[in-house]
Structure formats: structure tokens, C-alpha cells
Amino acid sequence: MNNPKSKRPPGETGMSSREIEASIRRIEDDLYFSSDNFKIRLTRIEEKLEHVTTRDDLKAYATKEDLKAFATREDLAGLRTEMITHTNTLFRWTIGVVVSCMGVILTVLKLT
């Protein structure tokens, strides 16, 4: 947007009527365009929610075979535990490799 520069000396703090009108116009434009952005975002959220299945929908329409495809809380908890264990194993392995490399380097330095 066009930001008009004030030609007034820096000591004066009052705004002219033209500056006030420009500020009001800028604020109105910001509010107008931001409300459009909110409408667009809300429309996108509503479109996404149309594809969400509730628990009641699953109970009403899904068969036992369909429900097997969904992960339970216990499955997710087990997966989380496995991921943490795997991460800890990798971390320990990395520390072991670093320590052994340091040992090799120190041994070489002592021999030279």
C-alpha cells in the first residue's frame, strides 16, 4: 500500500485531517481483507470437516472388518513405546561409536 510521508517537522505530534483519513482508510482495508481471509479459512475447514467420521458414524455403518483398519489407543501407545526404545538404542549406539573412535584416535596419538 502507499504510505504517505508526513512533511511536518518532527516536533509536532498532531495529525492532519488527510493523515487521519488515510489511517482510517488503511485500517478499513486491513479489516476488509482480513475478514475475507477468515471466510476463506473457515470454508476450507468446513470442507475438511465434511470428510471427518465420528465415532457414532463408525458404530452405525462400519462392520467389524472395517473397524480392524483403525488403530486403537493401545496400538498407538505400543508404537510410541517402540519408537522411544528404538531412539534410545540409536542414541546409545552413536555414543558407543564416538567413544570407540576417540579411543582409536588416542591410541594412534600415543603411538606416534
Protein backbone atom coordinates (compact mmCIF):
# COMPACT_ATOMS: atom_id res chain seq x y z
CA MET A 1 0.00 0.00 0.00
CA ASN A 2 1.03 3.58 -0.44
CA ASN A 3 2.36 5.09 2.81
CA PRO A 4 2.34 8.88 2.52
CA LYS A 5 5.25 10.63 4.23
CA SER A 6 4.50 13.45 6.62
CA LYS A 7 6.12 16.78 5.72
CA ARG A 8 5.57 18.09 9.21
CA PRO A 9 8.54 18.87 11.49
CA PRO A 10 9.38 16.00 13.90
CA GLY A 11 8.43 18.03 16.99
CA GLU A 12 4.73 18.25 16.09
CA THR A 13 2.66 15.23 17.05
CA GLY A 14 -0.82 16.13 15.78
CA MET A 15 -2.22 14.53 12.63
CA SER A 16 -3.79 16.43 9.78
CA SER A 17 -7.24 15.52 8.54
CA ARG A 18 -5.68 13.96 5.42
CA GLU A 19 -3.41 11.75 7.57
CA ILE A 20 -6.37 10.75 9.75
CA GLU A 21 -8.42 9.83 6.65
CA ALA A 22 -5.50 7.84 5.24
CA SER A 23 -5.11 5.95 8.55
CA ILE A 24 -8.82 5.19 8.70
CA ARG A 25 -8.79 4.01 5.07
CA ARG A 26 -5.78 1.78 5.76
CA ILE A 27 -7.48 0.25 8.82
CA GLU A 28 -10.71 -0.31 6.88
CA ASP A 29 -8.78 -2.05 4.08
CA ASP A 30 -6.93 -4.25 6.57
CA LEU A 31 -10.17 -5.24 8.28
CA TYR A 32 -11.92 -5.91 4.97
CA PHE A 33 -9.18 -8.11 3.55
CA SER A 34 -8.58 -9.96 6.83
CA SER A 35 -12.30 -10.79 7.07
CA ASP A 36 -12.08 -12.28 3.56
CA ASN A 37 -9.12 -14.39 4.67
CA PHE A 38 -11.10 -15.63 7.68
CA LYS A 39 -14.03 -16.57 5.42
CA ILE A 40 -11.72 -18.49 3.09
CA ARG A 41 -10.09 -20.32 6.00
CA LEU A 42 -13.44 -21.19 7.59
CA THR A 43 -14.68 -22.52 4.26
CA ARG A 44 -11.61 -24.73 3.94
CA ILE A 45 -12.06 -26.02 7.49
CA GLU A 46 -15.73 -26.79 6.82
CA GLU A 47 -14.76 -28.69 3.65
CA LYS A 48 -12.25 -30.75 5.61
CA LEU A 49 -14.78 -31.47 8.36
CA GLU A 50 -17.18 -32.93 5.79
CA HIS A 51 -14.76 -35.84 5.40
CA VAL A 52 -14.37 -36.49 9.15
CA THR A 53 -16.04 -39.59 10.52
CA THR A 54 -17.41 -39.54 14.05
CA ARG A 55 -17.43 -42.48 16.42
CA ASP A 56 -21.22 -42.74 16.08
CA ASP A 57 -20.88 -42.99 12.29
CA LEU A 58 -18.41 -45.82 12.71
CA LYS A 59 -20.69 -47.67 15.10
CA ALA A 60 -23.68 -47.24 12.81
CA TYR A 61 -22.18 -48.07 9.43
CA ALA A 62 -18.89 -49.92 9.89
CA THR A 63 -18.56 -53.67 10.12
CA LYS A 64 -16.07 -55.45 12.37
CA GLU A 65 -13.77 -55.90 9.39
CA ASP A 66 -13.85 -52.15 8.71
CA LEU A 67 -13.04 -51.35 12.32
CA LYS A 68 -9.91 -53.53 12.23
CA ALA A 69 -8.30 -50.94 9.96
CA PHE A 70 -8.38 -48.30 12.69
CA ALA A 71 -5.64 -48.12 15.32
CA THR A 72 -6.70 -48.30 18.94
CA ARG A 73 -5.19 -46.31 21.77
CA GLU A 74 -3.32 -49.40 22.89
CA ASP A 75 -1.80 -49.78 19.41
CA LEU A 76 -0.66 -46.17 19.42
CA ALA A 77 0.79 -46.49 22.93
CA GLY A 78 2.72 -49.59 21.84
CA LEU A 79 4.00 -47.80 18.76
CA ARG A 80 5.13 -44.86 20.87
CA THR A 81 6.99 -47.17 23.25
CA GLU A 82 8.68 -48.94 20.31
CA MET A 83 9.75 -45.61 18.82
CA ILE A 84 11.23 -44.43 22.12
CA THR A 85 13.09 -47.72 22.56
CA HIS A 86 14.43 -47.54 19.01
CA THR A 87 15.55 -43.92 19.51
CA ASN A 88 17.32 -44.81 22.75
CA THR A 89 19.07 -47.73 21.04
CA LEU A 90 20.29 -45.50 18.22
CA PHE A 91 21.48 -42.89 20.70
CA ARG A 92 23.42 -45.48 22.71
CA TRP A 93 24.93 -46.92 19.54
CA THR A 94 26.04 -43.43 18.42
CA ILE A 95 27.69 -42.75 21.78
CA GLY A 96 29.44 -46.12 21.61
CA VAL A 97 30.79 -45.39 18.13
CA VAL A 98 32.03 -41.95 19.17
CA VAL A 99 33.75 -43.33 22.29
CA SER A 100 35.42 -46.14 20.34
CA CYS A 101 36.64 -43.69 17.67
CA MET A 102 38.07 -41.47 20.39
CA GLY A 103 39.85 -44.50 21.83
CA VAL A 104 41.36 -45.34 18.45
CA ILE A 105 42.47 -41.73 17.93
CA LEU A 106 44.07 -41.56 21.38
CA THR A 107 45.85 -44.86 20.81
CA VAL A 108 47.24 -43.62 17.48
CA LEU A 109 48.37 -40.37 19.08
CA LYS A 110 50.16 -42.25 21.87
CA LEU A 111 51.97 -44.45 19.35
CA THR A 112 53.21 -41.53 17.28
